[in-house]
Amino acid sequence: MATFELEGTLKHLFDTQTFASGFSKREFVLEVQDGKFPQMIKFECLKDKTSMLDGLSIGDPVKVAFDIRGSEYKERFYVNLNAWKISKADGAGGDDEPPRGSSSFDEQFDNEPDMSDDIPF
C-alpha cells in the first residue's frame, strides 16, 4: 500500500480513546493550505502510535506520514488516514504559498473573474 505525507498546522487534538479490548486510538486535525481555502483533515494514531502526539501543541507546524485504510461494515464503507510518523515541520517554506507548479483543482479557477461571493464551494 502506498504511503503519503502532508505538512500543515495542528488544529485539534482529541483525547486518547481506549476500548474494552485494550485497543486505543487518538485522532487529530491538520489544517492544510490548498489554494484559497484551507482543508481540515482528520487523522488517527493507533495503539502505541498515540504517544507521537505527546509534546505537540495546537498551532504547531507538523509533517505527517500516513497510510489510507478502507473498510466495510454492514454495507457501509469507511476511510481512515492512519498516521504512523509525525514530526515538527522544519519551517523551510512553511508559511509561504504552496508551490504553484503542483497540480491543484483550484488552479483551474484562479483566472476566473471575481464574482464577489465568499462561498467556499
Protein backbone atom coordinates (compact mmCIF):
# COMPACT_ATOMS: atom_id res chain seq x y z
CA MET A 1 0.00 0.00 0.00
CA ALA A 2 1.24 3.49 -0.81
CA THR A 3 2.21 5.94 1.89
CA PHE A 4 1.55 9.66 1.80
CA GLU A 5 2.91 12.77 3.50
CA LEU A 6 1.33 16.15 4.31
CA GLU A 7 2.52 19.29 6.05
CA GLY A 8 0.18 21.61 7.89
CA THR A 9 -0.77 23.21 11.17
CA LEU A 10 -2.10 21.17 14.08
CA LYS A 11 -5.64 22.48 14.69
CA HIS A 12 -7.19 19.99 17.12
CA LEU A 13 -6.06 17.14 19.37
CA PHE A 14 -8.68 14.69 20.58
CA ASP A 15 -8.30 12.66 23.79
CA THR A 16 -6.99 9.11 23.57
CA GLN A 17 -9.80 6.55 23.37
CA THR A 18 -9.20 3.15 24.98
CA PHE A 19 -11.65 0.35 24.32
CA ALA A 20 -12.55 -2.72 26.42
CA SER A 21 -10.39 -4.91 24.19
CA GLY A 22 -7.33 -2.81 25.11
CA PHE A 23 -7.21 -1.16 21.67
CA SER A 24 -6.51 2.57 21.78
CA LYS A 25 -6.60 5.39 19.26
CA ARG A 26 -6.17 9.16 19.21
CA GLU A 27 -7.38 11.50 16.49
CA PHE A 28 -6.11 14.91 15.44
CA VAL A 29 -6.91 17.50 12.79
CA LEU A 30 -4.38 19.09 10.48
CA GLU A 31 -5.07 22.33 8.58
CA VAL A 32 -3.51 22.14 5.11
CA GLN A 33 -3.35 25.11 2.74
CA ASP A 34 -4.90 24.27 -0.63
CA GLY A 35 -5.32 27.30 -2.84
CA LYS A 36 -7.80 29.79 -1.47
CA PHE A 37 -9.47 27.52 1.07
CA PRO A 38 -7.63 25.55 3.77
CA GLN A 39 -8.57 21.91 4.25
CA MET A 40 -9.22 20.40 7.70
CA ILE A 41 -8.07 16.77 7.55
CA LYS A 42 -8.63 14.30 10.39
CA PHE A 43 -6.02 11.59 11.06
CA GLU A 44 -5.83 8.84 13.63
CA CYS A 45 -2.96 7.22 15.54
CA LEU A 46 -3.43 3.62 16.66
CA LYS A 47 -2.09 1.62 19.61
CA ASP A 48 1.44 2.67 20.62
CA LYS A 49 1.49 5.44 17.96
CA THR A 50 -0.86 7.56 20.12
CA SER A 51 2.18 8.75 22.09
CA MET A 52 3.53 10.51 18.98
CA LEU A 53 1.14 13.37 19.72
CA ASP A 54 2.54 13.95 23.21
CA GLY A 55 4.57 17.14 23.27
CA LEU A 56 2.71 18.71 20.34
CA SER A 57 0.51 21.76 20.78
CA ILE A 58 -2.30 23.36 18.81
CA GLY A 59 -0.76 25.65 16.20
CA ASP A 60 2.45 23.63 15.75
CA PRO A 61 3.56 23.15 12.14
CA VAL A 62 3.91 19.39 11.58
CA LYS A 63 4.67 16.85 8.88
CA VAL A 64 2.56 13.67 8.91
CA ALA A 65 3.36 10.41 7.13
CA PHE A 66 0.26 8.23 6.79
CA ASP A 67 -1.48 5.34 5.05
CA ILE A 68 -5.02 5.29 3.71
CA ARG A 69 -7.10 2.45 5.14
CA GLY A 70 -10.56 1.44 3.98
CA SER A 71 -13.07 -0.99 5.40
CA GLU A 72 -16.66 -2.12 5.02
CA TYR A 73 -19.13 -2.96 7.79
CA LYS A 74 -22.76 -3.84 7.12
CA GLU A 75 -22.61 -2.36 3.61
CA ARG A 76 -21.18 0.94 4.87
CA PHE A 77 -17.72 1.99 3.75
CA TYR A 78 -15.17 3.82 5.88
CA VAL A 79 -11.85 5.52 5.09
CA ASN A 80 -9.24 6.29 7.74
CA LEU A 81 -5.99 8.20 7.45
CA ASN A 82 -3.65 6.20 9.67
CA ALA A 83 -0.71 8.37 10.82
CA TRP A 84 2.46 6.40 11.55
CA LYS A 85 5.02 9.23 11.77
CA ILE A 86 4.61 12.82 12.99
CA SER A 87 7.40 15.35 13.22
CA LYS A 88 7.56 19.08 13.71
CA ALA A 89 7.99 20.78 10.35
CA ASP A 90 11.42 22.36 9.86
CA GLY A 91 9.88 25.66 8.84
CA ALA A 92 11.55 25.77 5.44
CA GLY A 93 8.85 27.40 3.36
CA GLY A 94 6.20 26.57 5.94
CA ASP A 95 4.47 29.95 5.89
CA ASP A 96 4.92 30.61 2.17
CA GLU A 97 2.35 29.93 -0.52
CA PRO A 98 2.29 26.33 -1.69
CA PRO A 99 4.29 25.77 -4.88
CA ARG A 100 2.19 26.81 -7.86
CA GLY A 101 3.79 24.18 -10.07
CA SER A 102 1.85 21.43 -8.32
CA SER A 103 -1.43 20.36 -9.82
CA SER A 104 -4.40 21.68 -7.88
CA PHE A 105 -8.08 21.70 -8.68
CA ASP A 106 -8.25 25.36 -7.62
CA GLU A 107 -5.70 26.36 -10.28
CA GLN A 108 -8.33 25.80 -12.94
CA PHE A 109 -10.33 28.67 -11.50
CA ASP A 110 -7.55 31.08 -10.50
CA ASN A 111 -8.00 33.16 -13.67
CA GLU A 112 -11.77 33.34 -13.39
CA PRO A 113 -13.32 36.78 -12.75
CA ASP A 114 -14.09 37.56 -9.12
CA MET A 115 -17.80 37.04 -8.55
CA SER A 116 -17.59 38.78 -5.11
CA ASP A 117 -19.06 35.90 -3.16
CA ASP A 118 -17.37 34.23 -0.23
CA ILE A 119 -18.90 30.79 -0.67
CA PRO A 120 -16.06 28.23 -0.37
CA PHE A 121 -17.68 25.64 -2.63
